Amino acid sequence: MLASIRRNPKKIDGYVINTLHRMMAPVAQKYPDKVVLVKQMGESEPAYLYEIKY
């Protein structure tokens, strides 16, 4: 699950902690058939549920 965790939890300013996003992006690019988006939850600060097939 990749969540949009706010840098400042008291304020919606568009900045999120994206460590997991940066780690997952190269894996998804190299193995696109192994990472499948299952569901997106939320609009302004979405969280994504992925299935990893191995």
Protein backbone atom coordinates (compact mmCIF):
# COMPACT_ATOMS: atom_id res chain seq x y z
CA MET A 1 0.00 0.00 0.00
CA LEU A 2 1.35 3.41 -0.97
CA ALA A 3 -0.14 6.20 1.07
CA SER A 4 0.16 9.96 0.68
CA ILE A 5 1.53 10.80 4.11
CA ARG A 6 1.69 14.53 4.66
CA ARG A 7 5.01 16.19 5.39
CA ASN A 8 3.12 18.49 7.77
CA PRO A 9 0.20 16.52 9.27
CA LYS A 10 -1.63 19.71 10.30
CA LYS A 11 -1.75 21.26 6.83
CA ILE A 12 -2.70 20.05 3.35
CA ASP A 13 0.01 21.70 1.26
CA GLY A 14 0.61 19.11 -1.45
CA TYR A 15 3.89 17.87 0.04
CA VAL A 16 4.01 14.19 0.94
CA ILE A 17 6.68 11.81 2.18
CA ASN A 18 7.39 9.80 -0.96
CA THR A 19 10.12 7.35 0.05
CA LEU A 20 8.04 4.27 -0.81
CA HIS A 21 6.87 5.85 -4.07
CA ARG A 22 10.50 6.38 -5.14
CA MET A 23 11.42 2.79 -4.22
CA MET A 24 8.44 1.24 -6.00
CA ALA A 25 8.68 3.24 -9.25
CA PRO A 26 11.82 1.49 -10.64
CA VAL A 27 10.40 -1.94 -9.77
CA ALA A 28 7.10 -1.13 -11.51
CA GLN A 29 8.97 0.18 -14.57
CA LYS A 30 11.26 -2.84 -14.85
CA TYR A 31 8.56 -5.44 -14.08
CA PRO A 32 5.23 -3.89 -15.14
CA ASP A 33 3.46 -7.26 -15.20
CA LYS A 34 4.45 -7.97 -11.57
CA VAL A 35 2.90 -4.85 -9.98
CA VAL A 36 -0.86 -4.46 -10.39
CA LEU A 37 -2.94 -1.56 -9.06
CA VAL A 38 -5.90 -3.03 -7.17
CA LYS A 39 -7.59 0.07 -5.76
CA GLN A 40 -7.19 3.80 -5.25
CA MET A 41 -8.66 5.28 -2.09
CA GLY A 42 -9.17 9.03 -1.73
CA GLU A 43 -8.94 11.95 -4.11
CA SER A 44 -6.85 14.85 -2.78
CA GLU A 45 -4.40 12.62 -0.88
CA PRO A 46 -4.89 9.17 -2.40
CA ALA A 47 -3.60 5.85 -1.14
CA TYR A 48 -2.96 3.03 -3.58
CA LEU A 49 -3.29 -0.69 -2.97
CA TYR A 50 -1.01 -2.77 -5.18
CA GLU A 51 -0.71 -6.50 -5.69
CA ILE A 52 2.82 -7.78 -6.17
CA LYS A 53 2.93 -10.98 -8.20
CA TYR A 54 6.02 -13.10 -7.70
